[in-house]
């Protein structure tokens, strides 16, 4: 009798442990910017030239037809924003990204808007909204490399090229944006 009760208790505890483990895995956020070592903070926009680029490199054409290469921004924190002209959530997010860029670009932050799944004219959209941060075109393959499945998608990359986190949100005042910028642009 005691053996049967003991087995049920153990089985119940094991099942509870598995469910709790799944919940923690499923609902905990990905890498938090604040948990990174302070030694990774980049000096205001200075480029590290003595260390090879650690991230996955790619290049795309910007709105002027010039090549933009991710590794060109080694030594700087980079925020990639995957967007499309038809995306209502992007339309909500991009003005906040523009403010973030204006506030932190001179301190070293690099924001790159990566246009994906486009069915209109991103050049016209960008010009009409007078955004000052870089936008690159035809970024579907790059989005796939980061596992971006929808818009807007955000990729936070540290100065060494390491992807810190991949998120999808449309709140232009999301605290993670400011937190990332402040952490990596400290002087």
N, C-alpha and C. Protein backbone atom coordinates (compact mmCIF):
# COMPACT_ATOMS: atom_id res chain seq x y z
N UNK A 1 0.82 -1.19 0.00
CA UNK A 1 0.00 0.00 0.00
C UNK A 1 0.87 1.26 0.00
N UNK A 2 1.88 1.31 0.92
CA UNK A 2 2.74 2.47 0.99
C UNK A 2 3.52 2.63 -0.30
N UNK A 3 3.94 1.54 -0.90
CA UNK A 3 4.71 1.56 -2.14
C UNK A 3 3.88 2.19 -3.27
N UNK A 4 2.60 1.87 -3.34
CA UNK A 4 1.73 2.42 -4.36
C UNK A 4 1.53 3.93 -4.18
N UNK A 5 1.35 4.38 -2.95
CA UNK A 5 1.19 5.81 -2.65
C UNK A 5 2.48 6.54 -2.99
N UNK A 6 3.60 5.94 -2.61
CA UNK A 6 4.92 6.54 -2.88
C UNK A 6 5.13 6.72 -4.38
N UNK A 7 4.78 5.72 -5.18
CA UNK A 7 4.93 5.81 -6.64
C UNK A 7 4.06 6.93 -7.21
N UNK A 8 2.85 7.05 -6.70
CA UNK A 8 1.95 8.10 -7.18
C UNK A 8 2.50 9.49 -6.84
N UNK A 9 3.04 9.63 -5.65
CA UNK A 9 3.62 10.91 -5.25
C UNK A 9 4.82 11.24 -6.14
N UNK A 10 5.68 10.27 -6.38
CA UNK A 10 6.86 10.48 -7.23
C UNK A 10 6.42 10.81 -8.66
N UNK A 11 5.46 10.07 -9.18
CA UNK A 11 4.98 10.32 -10.54
C UNK A 11 4.35 11.71 -10.65
N UNK A 12 3.57 12.10 -9.65
CA UNK A 12 2.96 13.43 -9.66
C UNK A 12 4.02 14.52 -9.59
N UNK A 13 5.00 14.32 -8.72
CA UNK A 13 6.08 15.31 -8.60
C UNK A 13 6.87 15.41 -9.91
N UNK A 14 7.14 14.27 -10.53
CA UNK A 14 7.86 14.28 -11.81
C UNK A 14 7.07 15.01 -12.89
N UNK A 15 5.79 14.76 -12.97
CA UNK A 15 4.94 15.43 -13.95
C UNK A 15 4.90 16.93 -13.69
N UNK A 16 4.76 17.31 -12.43
CA UNK A 16 4.76 18.72 -12.06
C UNK A 16 6.09 19.38 -12.44
N UNK A 17 7.19 18.70 -12.23
CA UNK A 17 8.51 19.20 -12.59
C UNK A 17 8.62 19.43 -14.10
N UNK A 18 8.12 18.49 -14.88
CA UNK A 18 8.16 18.61 -16.35
C UNK A 18 7.30 19.79 -16.81
N UNK A 19 6.12 19.94 -16.26
CA UNK A 19 5.23 21.04 -16.63
C UNK A 19 5.87 22.38 -16.25
N UNK A 20 6.43 22.46 -15.05
CA UNK A 20 7.08 23.70 -14.61
C UNK A 20 8.27 24.03 -15.50
N UNK A 21 9.06 23.03 -15.86
CA UNK A 21 10.21 23.24 -16.75
C UNK A 21 9.77 23.76 -18.10
N UNK A 22 8.72 23.20 -18.66
CA UNK A 22 8.21 23.66 -19.95
C UNK A 22 7.74 25.11 -19.84
N UNK A 23 7.01 25.43 -18.76
CA UNK A 23 6.50 26.80 -18.58
C UNK A 23 7.64 27.80 -18.49
N UNK A 24 8.68 27.46 -17.75
CA UNK A 24 9.83 28.35 -17.63
C UNK A 24 10.49 28.53 -18.99
N UNK A 25 10.69 27.44 -19.71
CA UNK A 25 11.32 27.51 -21.04
C UNK A 25 10.48 28.33 -22.01
N UNK A 26 9.18 28.12 -21.98
CA UNK A 26 8.27 28.76 -22.94
C UNK A 26 8.08 30.25 -22.67
N UNK A 27 7.98 30.64 -21.40
CA UNK A 27 7.56 32.01 -21.09
C UNK A 27 8.66 32.93 -20.58
N UNK A 28 9.83 32.42 -20.31
CA UNK A 28 10.92 33.31 -19.92
C UNK A 28 11.42 34.04 -21.16
N UNK A 29 11.76 35.31 -21.04
CA UNK A 29 12.28 36.04 -22.19
C UNK A 29 13.63 35.51 -22.61
N UNK A 30 13.99 35.81 -23.86
CA UNK A 30 15.30 35.42 -24.36
C UNK A 30 16.35 36.27 -23.66
N UNK A 31 17.59 36.14 -24.08
CA UNK A 31 18.71 36.84 -23.45
C UNK A 31 18.35 38.27 -23.09
N UNK A 32 18.54 38.62 -21.85
CA UNK A 32 18.26 39.98 -21.40
C UNK A 32 19.49 40.85 -21.60
N UNK A 33 19.30 42.01 -22.13
CA UNK A 33 20.40 42.93 -22.37
C UNK A 33 21.10 43.28 -21.06
N UNK A 34 20.36 43.45 -19.98
CA UNK A 34 20.95 43.88 -18.72
C UNK A 34 21.86 42.84 -18.10
N UNK A 35 21.78 41.59 -18.54
CA UNK A 35 22.60 40.55 -17.93
C UNK A 35 23.96 40.40 -18.60
N UNK A 36 24.25 41.23 -19.56
CA UNK A 36 25.51 41.11 -20.27
C UNK A 36 26.64 41.75 -19.49
N UNK A 37 27.85 41.21 -19.65
CA UNK A 37 28.98 41.78 -18.92
C UNK A 37 29.29 43.19 -19.37
N UNK A 38 29.57 44.10 -18.42
CA UNK A 38 29.84 45.49 -18.76
C UNK A 38 31.05 45.65 -19.68
N UNK A 39 31.93 44.69 -19.73
CA UNK A 39 33.11 44.78 -20.58
C UNK A 39 32.78 44.84 -22.06
N UNK A 40 31.55 44.51 -22.42
CA UNK A 40 31.17 44.52 -23.83
C UNK A 40 30.67 45.87 -24.30
N UNK A 41 30.66 46.84 -23.42
CA UNK A 41 30.16 48.17 -23.80
C UNK A 41 31.12 48.81 -24.78
N UNK A 42 30.58 49.29 -25.89
CA UNK A 42 31.41 49.91 -26.92
C UNK A 42 31.67 51.37 -26.61
N UNK A 43 32.84 51.81 -26.96
CA UNK A 43 33.14 53.24 -26.86
C UNK A 43 32.37 53.92 -27.99
N UNK A 44 31.95 55.12 -27.78
CA UNK A 44 31.07 55.87 -28.68
C UNK A 44 31.39 55.71 -30.16
N UNK A 45 30.88 54.64 -30.75
CA UNK A 45 30.98 54.47 -32.18
C UNK A 45 32.35 54.06 -32.69
N UNK A 46 33.29 53.82 -31.81
CA UNK A 46 34.61 53.42 -32.29
C UNK A 46 34.55 52.02 -32.84
N UNK A 47 35.26 51.79 -33.91
CA UNK A 47 35.26 50.50 -34.57
C UNK A 47 36.43 49.68 -34.05
N UNK A 48 36.15 48.44 -33.65
CA UNK A 48 37.22 47.55 -33.23
C UNK A 48 37.85 46.97 -34.49
N UNK A 49 39.12 47.14 -34.63
CA UNK A 49 39.77 46.61 -35.82
C UNK A 49 40.72 45.47 -35.49
N UNK A 50 41.03 45.27 -34.21
CA UNK A 50 41.98 44.24 -33.83
C UNK A 50 41.33 42.88 -33.62
N UNK A 51 40.01 42.81 -33.60
CA UNK A 51 39.30 41.56 -33.38
C UNK A 51 38.46 41.26 -34.61
N UNK A 52 38.55 40.02 -35.14
CA UNK A 52 37.70 39.69 -36.29
C UNK A 52 36.22 39.75 -35.91
N UNK A 53 35.39 40.09 -36.87
CA UNK A 53 33.95 40.19 -36.63
C UNK A 53 33.43 38.82 -36.22
N UNK A 54 32.67 38.79 -35.13
CA UNK A 54 32.20 37.52 -34.56
C UNK A 54 30.81 37.12 -35.05
N UNK A 55 30.06 38.05 -35.60
CA UNK A 55 28.68 37.76 -35.98
C UNK A 55 28.57 37.19 -37.38
N UNK A 56 27.35 36.86 -37.75
CA UNK A 56 27.07 36.40 -39.10
C UNK A 56 26.95 37.65 -39.97
N UNK A 57 27.79 37.75 -40.98
CA UNK A 57 27.81 38.95 -41.81
C UNK A 57 26.87 38.80 -42.99
N UNK A 58 26.38 39.91 -43.46
CA UNK A 58 25.54 39.96 -44.65
C UNK A 58 25.67 41.35 -45.25
N UNK A 59 25.24 41.49 -46.49
CA UNK A 59 25.20 42.82 -47.12
C UNK A 59 23.93 42.93 -47.95
N UNK A 60 23.36 44.13 -47.93
CA UNK A 60 22.17 44.46 -48.70
C UNK A 60 22.33 45.87 -49.24
N UNK A 61 21.56 46.21 -50.24
CA UNK A 61 21.58 47.55 -50.81
C UNK A 61 20.66 48.47 -50.01
N UNK A 62 21.12 49.71 -49.78
CA UNK A 62 20.27 50.68 -49.11
C UNK A 62 19.40 51.39 -50.14
N UNK A 63 18.65 52.38 -49.71
CA UNK A 63 17.72 53.07 -50.60
C UNK A 63 18.41 53.83 -51.73
N UNK A 64 19.68 54.16 -51.53
CA UNK A 64 20.46 54.85 -52.57
C UNK A 64 21.22 53.87 -53.46
N UNK A 65 21.04 52.56 -53.23
CA UNK A 65 21.71 51.55 -54.05
C UNK A 65 23.12 51.20 -53.59
N UNK A 66 23.54 51.73 -52.45
CA UNK A 66 24.86 51.43 -51.91
C UNK A 66 24.80 50.19 -51.02
N UNK A 67 25.89 49.44 -51.03
CA UNK A 67 25.95 48.23 -50.23
C UNK A 67 26.14 48.58 -48.75
N UNK A 68 25.35 47.95 -47.90
CA UNK A 68 25.48 48.09 -46.45
C UNK A 68 25.84 46.70 -45.93
N UNK A 69 26.95 46.64 -45.21
CA UNK A 69 27.45 45.38 -44.68
C UNK A 69 27.36 45.45 -43.15
N UNK A 70 26.79 44.44 -42.52
CA UNK A 70 26.64 44.44 -41.07
C UNK A 70 28.00 44.58 -40.38
N UNK A 71 29.02 43.92 -40.87
CA UNK A 71 30.33 43.96 -40.21
C UNK A 71 30.96 45.35 -40.26
N UNK A 72 30.46 46.24 -41.10
CA UNK A 72 30.97 47.62 -41.11
C UNK A 72 30.71 48.32 -39.78
N UNK A 73 29.81 47.78 -38.99
CA UNK A 73 29.44 48.41 -37.73
C UNK A 73 29.99 47.65 -36.53
N UNK A 74 31.02 46.86 -36.76
CA UNK A 74 31.69 46.17 -35.67
C UNK A 74 32.17 47.20 -34.64
N UNK A 75 31.99 46.85 -33.38
CA UNK A 75 32.36 47.78 -32.32
C UNK A 75 31.22 48.68 -31.90
N UNK A 76 30.10 48.57 -32.59
CA UNK A 76 28.92 49.38 -32.25
C UNK A 76 27.74 48.45 -31.99
N UNK A 77 26.86 48.81 -31.07
CA UNK A 77 25.63 48.04 -30.91
C UNK A 77 24.73 48.30 -32.12
N UNK A 78 24.07 47.26 -32.59
CA UNK A 78 23.22 47.38 -33.77
C UNK A 78 21.82 46.87 -33.45
N UNK A 79 20.84 47.64 -33.87
CA UNK A 79 19.45 47.23 -33.77
C UNK A 79 18.92 47.07 -35.19
N UNK A 80 18.54 45.85 -35.54
CA UNK A 80 17.92 45.58 -36.84
C UNK A 80 16.41 45.59 -36.63
N UNK A 81 15.72 46.32 -37.49
CA UNK A 81 14.26 46.39 -37.43
C UNK A 81 13.72 45.88 -38.76
N UNK A 82 13.09 44.73 -38.75
CA UNK A 82 12.51 44.15 -39.96
C UNK A 82 11.11 44.70 -40.12
N UNK A 83 10.83 45.27 -41.30
CA UNK A 83 9.59 46.01 -41.51
C UNK A 83 9.11 45.86 -42.94
N UNK A 84 7.88 46.31 -43.17
CA UNK A 84 7.29 46.37 -44.52
C UNK A 84 6.33 47.56 -44.56
N UNK A 85 6.15 48.13 -45.73
CA UNK A 85 5.29 49.31 -45.86
C UNK A 85 3.83 49.00 -45.53
N UNK A 86 3.39 47.78 -45.74
CA UNK A 86 2.00 47.39 -45.52
C UNK A 86 1.71 47.02 -44.06
N UNK A 87 2.71 46.95 -43.22
CA UNK A 87 2.58 46.45 -41.84
C UNK A 87 2.10 47.55 -40.89
N UNK A 88 0.88 47.44 -40.34
CA UNK A 88 0.38 48.47 -39.44
C UNK A 88 1.18 48.56 -38.14
N UNK A 89 1.73 47.44 -37.70
CA UNK A 89 2.52 47.44 -36.46
C UNK A 89 3.86 48.13 -36.67
N UNK A 90 4.39 48.02 -37.88
CA UNK A 90 5.64 48.73 -38.21
C UNK A 90 5.39 50.23 -38.23
N UNK A 91 4.23 50.62 -38.76
CA UNK A 91 3.89 52.04 -38.81
C UNK A 91 3.79 52.62 -37.40
N UNK A 92 3.40 51.81 -36.46
CA UNK A 92 3.34 52.25 -35.06
C UNK A 92 4.74 52.31 -34.45
N UNK A 93 5.59 51.33 -34.75
CA UNK A 93 6.91 51.21 -34.14
C UNK A 93 7.94 52.18 -34.70
N UNK A 94 7.97 52.38 -36.00
CA UNK A 94 9.06 53.14 -36.63
C UNK A 94 9.27 54.56 -36.11
N UNK A 95 8.23 55.32 -35.79
CA UNK A 95 8.50 56.65 -35.22
C UNK A 95 9.29 56.58 -33.91
N UNK A 96 9.02 55.59 -33.08
CA UNK A 96 9.78 55.40 -31.84
C UNK A 96 11.22 54.99 -32.12
N UNK A 97 11.41 54.20 -33.14
CA UNK A 97 12.77 53.80 -33.53
C UNK A 97 13.53 55.02 -34.04
N UNK A 98 12.84 55.89 -34.77
CA UNK A 98 13.47 57.12 -35.25
C UNK A 98 13.92 57.99 -34.07
N UNK A 99 13.09 58.10 -33.03
CA UNK A 99 13.47 58.86 -31.84
C UNK A 99 14.66 58.23 -31.14
N UNK A 100 14.66 56.91 -31.03
CA UNK A 100 15.78 56.19 -30.41
C UNK A 100 17.07 56.46 -31.18
N UNK A 101 16.97 56.39 -32.50
CA UNK A 101 18.13 56.64 -33.34
C UNK A 101 18.65 58.07 -33.15
N UNK A 102 17.74 59.02 -33.14
CA UNK A 102 18.14 60.42 -32.98
C UNK A 102 18.85 60.65 -31.64
N UNK A 103 18.38 59.98 -30.62
CA UNK A 103 18.93 60.15 -29.28
C UNK A 103 20.29 59.47 -29.10
N UNK A 104 20.50 58.30 -29.74
CA UNK A 104 21.68 57.49 -29.44
C UNK A 104 22.66 57.28 -30.60
N UNK A 105 22.31 57.71 -31.79
CA UNK A 105 23.22 57.48 -32.93
C UNK A 105 24.58 58.14 -32.68
N UNK A 106 24.59 59.35 -32.17
CA UNK A 106 25.86 60.05 -31.93
C UNK A 106 26.68 59.40 -30.83
N UNK A 107 26.04 58.54 -30.04
CA UNK A 107 26.75 57.83 -28.97
C UNK A 107 27.19 56.43 -29.40
N UNK A 108 26.90 56.06 -30.66
CA UNK A 108 27.39 54.79 -31.18
C UNK A 108 26.35 53.80 -31.64
N UNK A 109 25.08 53.98 -31.29
CA UNK A 109 24.06 53.02 -31.70
C UNK A 109 23.84 53.08 -33.21
N UNK A 110 23.75 51.92 -33.84
CA UNK A 110 23.44 51.84 -35.27
C UNK A 110 22.10 51.14 -35.44
N UNK A 111 21.17 51.83 -36.05
CA UNK A 111 19.85 51.27 -36.35
C UNK A 111 19.78 51.04 -37.85
N UNK A 112 19.37 49.83 -38.24
CA UNK A 112 19.19 49.51 -39.65
C UNK A 112 17.80 48.90 -39.81
N UNK A 113 16.99 49.53 -40.63
CA UNK A 113 15.67 49.00 -40.95
C UNK A 113 15.82 48.09 -42.16
N UNK A 114 15.41 46.84 -42.00
CA UNK A 114 15.55 45.83 -43.06
C UNK A 114 14.17 45.57 -43.63
N UNK A 115 13.96 45.98 -44.88
CA UNK A 115 12.67 45.83 -45.52
C UNK A 115 12.50 44.39 -46.01
N UNK A 116 11.34 43.78 -45.67
CA UNK A 116 11.06 42.40 -46.08
C UNK A 116 9.64 42.28 -46.60
N UNK A 117 9.40 41.22 -47.35
CA UNK A 117 8.06 40.87 -47.83
C UNK A 117 7.32 42.06 -48.42
N UNK A 118 8.04 42.79 -49.22
CA UNK A 118 7.51 44.06 -49.71
C UNK A 118 6.65 43.89 -50.95
N UNK A 119 5.56 44.68 -51.02
CA UNK A 119 4.70 44.68 -52.20
C UNK A 119 4.44 46.10 -52.71
N UNK A 120 5.17 47.08 -52.16
CA UNK A 120 4.99 48.45 -52.62
C UNK A 120 6.34 49.08 -52.86
N UNK A 121 6.52 50.35 -52.51
CA UNK A 121 7.75 51.10 -52.78
C UNK A 121 8.35 51.61 -51.47
N UNK A 122 9.27 50.86 -50.87
CA UNK A 122 9.83 51.30 -49.59
C UNK A 122 10.57 52.63 -49.68
N UNK A 123 11.14 52.93 -50.84
CA UNK A 123 11.87 54.19 -51.01
C UNK A 123 10.91 55.38 -50.82
N UNK A 124 9.72 55.27 -51.39
CA UNK A 124 8.72 56.33 -51.30
C UNK A 124 8.24 56.45 -49.85
N UNK A 125 7.96 55.32 -49.24
CA UNK A 125 7.50 55.31 -47.85
C UNK A 125 8.54 56.00 -46.95
N UNK A 126 9.80 55.64 -47.11
CA UNK A 126 10.88 56.19 -46.28
C UNK A 126 11.01 57.70 -46.49
N UNK A 127 10.98 58.11 -47.73
CA UNK A 127 11.08 59.54 -48.06
C UNK A 127 9.89 60.32 -47.48
N UNK A 128 8.69 59.77 -47.61
CA UNK A 128 7.50 60.45 -47.10
C UNK A 128 7.52 60.63 -45.58
N UNK A 129 8.15 59.71 -44.88
CA UNK A 129 8.20 59.78 -43.42
C UNK A 129 9.48 60.45 -42.91
N UNK A 130 10.38 60.75 -43.81
CA UNK A 130 11.62 61.47 -43.48
C UNK A 130 12.43 60.80 -42.37
N UNK A 131 12.48 59.48 -42.38
CA UNK A 131 13.32 58.77 -41.41
C UNK A 131 14.78 59.00 -41.74
N UNK A 132 15.61 59.17 -40.71
CA UNK A 132 17.03 59.49 -40.90
C UNK A 132 17.95 58.29 -40.71
N UNK A 133 17.42 57.17 -40.23
CA UNK A 133 18.28 56.00 -40.05
C UNK A 133 18.26 55.15 -41.32
N UNK A 134 19.29 54.30 -41.45
CA UNK A 134 19.46 53.51 -42.67
C UNK A 134 18.35 52.50 -42.87
N UNK A 135 17.99 52.32 -44.13
CA UNK A 135 17.06 51.27 -44.52
C UNK A 135 17.69 50.50 -45.66
N UNK A 136 17.59 49.18 -45.58
CA UNK A 136 18.10 48.32 -46.65
C UNK A 136 16.94 47.53 -47.22
N UNK A 137 17.12 47.11 -48.46
CA UNK A 137 16.03 46.48 -49.21
C UNK A 137 16.24 44.98 -49.42
N UNK A 138 15.14 44.30 -49.71
CA UNK A 138 15.14 42.88 -50.06
C UNK A 138 15.87 42.04 -49.03
N UNK A 139 15.45 42.19 -47.78
CA UNK A 139 16.10 41.51 -46.67
C UNK A 139 15.48 40.19 -46.26
N UNK A 140 14.70 39.57 -47.13
CA UNK A 140 14.01 38.32 -46.77
C UNK A 140 14.96 37.21 -46.36
N UNK A 141 16.06 37.05 -47.07
CA UNK A 141 17.02 35.99 -46.72
C UNK A 141 17.69 36.28 -45.38
N UNK A 142 17.97 37.55 -45.12
CA UNK A 142 18.56 37.94 -43.83
C UNK A 142 17.55 37.66 -42.71
N UNK A 143 16.29 38.00 -42.93
CA UNK A 143 15.24 37.73 -41.94
C UNK A 143 15.18 36.24 -41.64
N UNK A 144 15.25 35.45 -42.65
CA UNK A 144 15.21 33.99 -42.48
C UNK A 144 16.39 33.51 -41.64
N UNK A 145 17.56 34.08 -41.86
CA UNK A 145 18.75 33.70 -41.09
C UNK A 145 18.56 33.95 -39.60
N UNK A 146 17.83 35.00 -39.25
CA UNK A 146 17.58 35.32 -37.84
C UNK A 146 16.32 34.66 -37.30
N UNK A 147 15.58 33.97 -38.15
CA UNK A 147 14.34 33.33 -37.70
C UNK A 147 13.18 34.30 -37.57
N UNK A 148 13.27 35.43 -38.27
CA UNK A 148 12.18 36.41 -38.24
C UNK A 148 11.04 35.86 -39.11
N UNK A 149 9.86 35.74 -38.51
CA UNK A 149 8.73 35.18 -39.24
C UNK A 149 7.64 36.19 -39.52
N UNK A 150 7.76 37.38 -38.98
CA UNK A 150 6.73 38.40 -39.20
C UNK A 150 7.31 39.78 -38.98
N UNK A 151 6.45 40.77 -39.19
CA UNK A 151 6.88 42.15 -38.99
C UNK A 151 6.04 42.77 -37.88
N UNK A 152 6.58 43.67 -37.11
CA UNK A 152 8.00 44.00 -37.07
C UNK A 152 8.79 42.94 -36.29
N UNK A 153 10.01 42.77 -36.69
CA UNK A 153 10.93 41.90 -35.97
C UNK A 153 12.14 42.73 -35.58
N UNK A 154 12.65 42.52 -34.39
CA UNK A 154 13.80 43.28 -33.92
C UNK A 154 14.91 42.33 -33.51
N UNK A 155 16.13 42.65 -33.92
CA UNK A 155 17.29 41.86 -33.56
C UNK A 155 18.27 42.79 -32.86
N UNK A 156 18.64 42.43 -31.65
CA UNK A 156 19.58 43.21 -30.84
C UNK A 156 20.95 42.55 -30.94
N UNK A 157 21.94 43.30 -31.44
CA UNK A 157 23.28 42.75 -31.68
C UNK A 157 24.30 43.58 -30.89
N UNK A 158 25.16 42.89 -30.15
CA UNK A 158 26.15 43.60 -29.35
C UNK A 158 27.32 44.05 -30.23
N UNK A 159 28.23 44.85 -29.70
CA UNK A 159 29.34 45.39 -30.52
C UNK A 159 30.27 44.33 -31.11
N UNK A 160 30.25 43.11 -30.55
CA UNK A 160 31.08 42.03 -31.10
C UNK A 160 30.35 41.22 -32.16
N UNK A 161 29.11 41.56 -32.44
CA UNK A 161 28.34 40.85 -33.45
C UNK A 161 27.48 39.73 -32.91
N UNK A 162 27.44 39.56 -31.60
CA UNK A 162 26.64 38.51 -30.99
C UNK A 162 25.18 38.94 -30.91
N UNK A 163 24.30 38.06 -31.36
CA UNK A 163 22.86 38.33 -31.27
C UNK A 163 22.44 38.13 -29.82
N UNK A 164 21.93 39.20 -29.22
CA UNK A 164 21.51 39.16 -27.82
C UNK A 164 20.08 38.70 -27.67
N UNK A 165 19.25 39.03 -28.64
CA UNK A 165 17.86 38.67 -28.55
C UNK A 165 17.12 39.02 -29.82
N UNK A 166 16.05 38.30 -30.05
CA UNK A 166 15.19 38.53 -31.20
C UNK A 166 13.78 38.69 -30.65
N UNK A 167 13.15 39.78 -30.98
CA UNK A 167 11.84 40.08 -30.43
C UNK A 167 10.88 40.52 -31.54
N UNK A 168 9.61 40.55 -31.18
CA UNK A 168 8.59 41.10 -32.06
C UNK A 168 7.62 41.88 -31.19
N UNK A 169 7.64 43.19 -31.33
CA UNK A 169 6.70 44.04 -30.63
C UNK A 169 6.53 45.32 -31.43
N UNK A 170 5.43 46.04 -31.17
CA UNK A 170 5.16 47.26 -31.92
C UNK A 170 5.12 48.50 -31.04
N UNK A 171 5.35 48.32 -29.75
CA UNK A 171 5.31 49.45 -28.82
C UNK A 171 6.55 50.33 -29.04
N UNK A 172 6.37 51.55 -29.53
CA UNK A 172 7.53 52.41 -29.79
C UNK A 172 8.25 52.85 -28.51
N UNK A 173 7.62 52.65 -27.37
CA UNK A 173 8.22 53.00 -26.09
C UNK A 173 8.59 51.77 -25.28
N UNK A 174 8.72 50.63 -25.94
CA UNK A 174 9.06 49.38 -25.23
C UNK A 174 10.36 49.60 -24.46
N UNK A 175 10.39 49.25 -23.17
CA UNK A 175 11.57 49.53 -22.35
C UNK A 175 12.85 48.84 -22.83
N UNK A 176 12.73 47.75 -23.55
CA UNK A 176 13.92 47.05 -24.02
C UNK A 176 14.72 47.90 -25.01
N UNK A 177 14.07 48.74 -25.78
CA UNK A 177 14.77 49.60 -26.74
C UNK A 177 15.72 50.55 -26.02
N UNK A 178 15.18 51.27 -25.07
CA UNK A 178 15.99 52.23 -24.31
C UNK A 178 17.06 51.51 -23.48
N UNK A 179 16.69 50.39 -22.90
CA UNK A 179 17.61 49.62 -22.08
C UNK A 179 18.84 49.18 -22.89
N UNK A 180 18.59 48.67 -24.08
CA UNK A 180 19.67 48.24 -24.97
C UNK A 180 20.56 49.43 -25.34
N UNK A 181 19.94 50.52 -25.75
CA UNK A 181 20.69 51.70 -26.18
C UNK A 181 21.53 52.26 -25.03
N UNK A 182 20.95 52.39 -23.87
CA UNK A 182 21.66 52.95 -22.73
C UNK A 182 22.82 52.05 -22.33
N UNK A 183 22.58 50.75 -22.26
CA UNK A 183 23.60 49.81 -21.82
C UNK A 183 24.83 49.86 -22.73
N UNK A 184 24.61 49.91 -24.03
CA UNK A 184 25.74 49.84 -24.97
C UNK A 184 26.29 51.18 -25.41
N UNK A 185 25.73 52.26 -24.94
CA UNK A 185 26.28 53.56 -25.33
C UNK A 185 26.79 54.33 -24.12
N UNK A 186 26.98 53.65 -23.00
CA UNK A 186 27.53 54.32 -21.81
C UNK A 186 28.94 54.79 -22.14
N UNK A 187 29.32 55.87 -21.52
CA UNK A 187 30.69 56.35 -21.76
C UNK A 187 31.51 56.15 -20.52
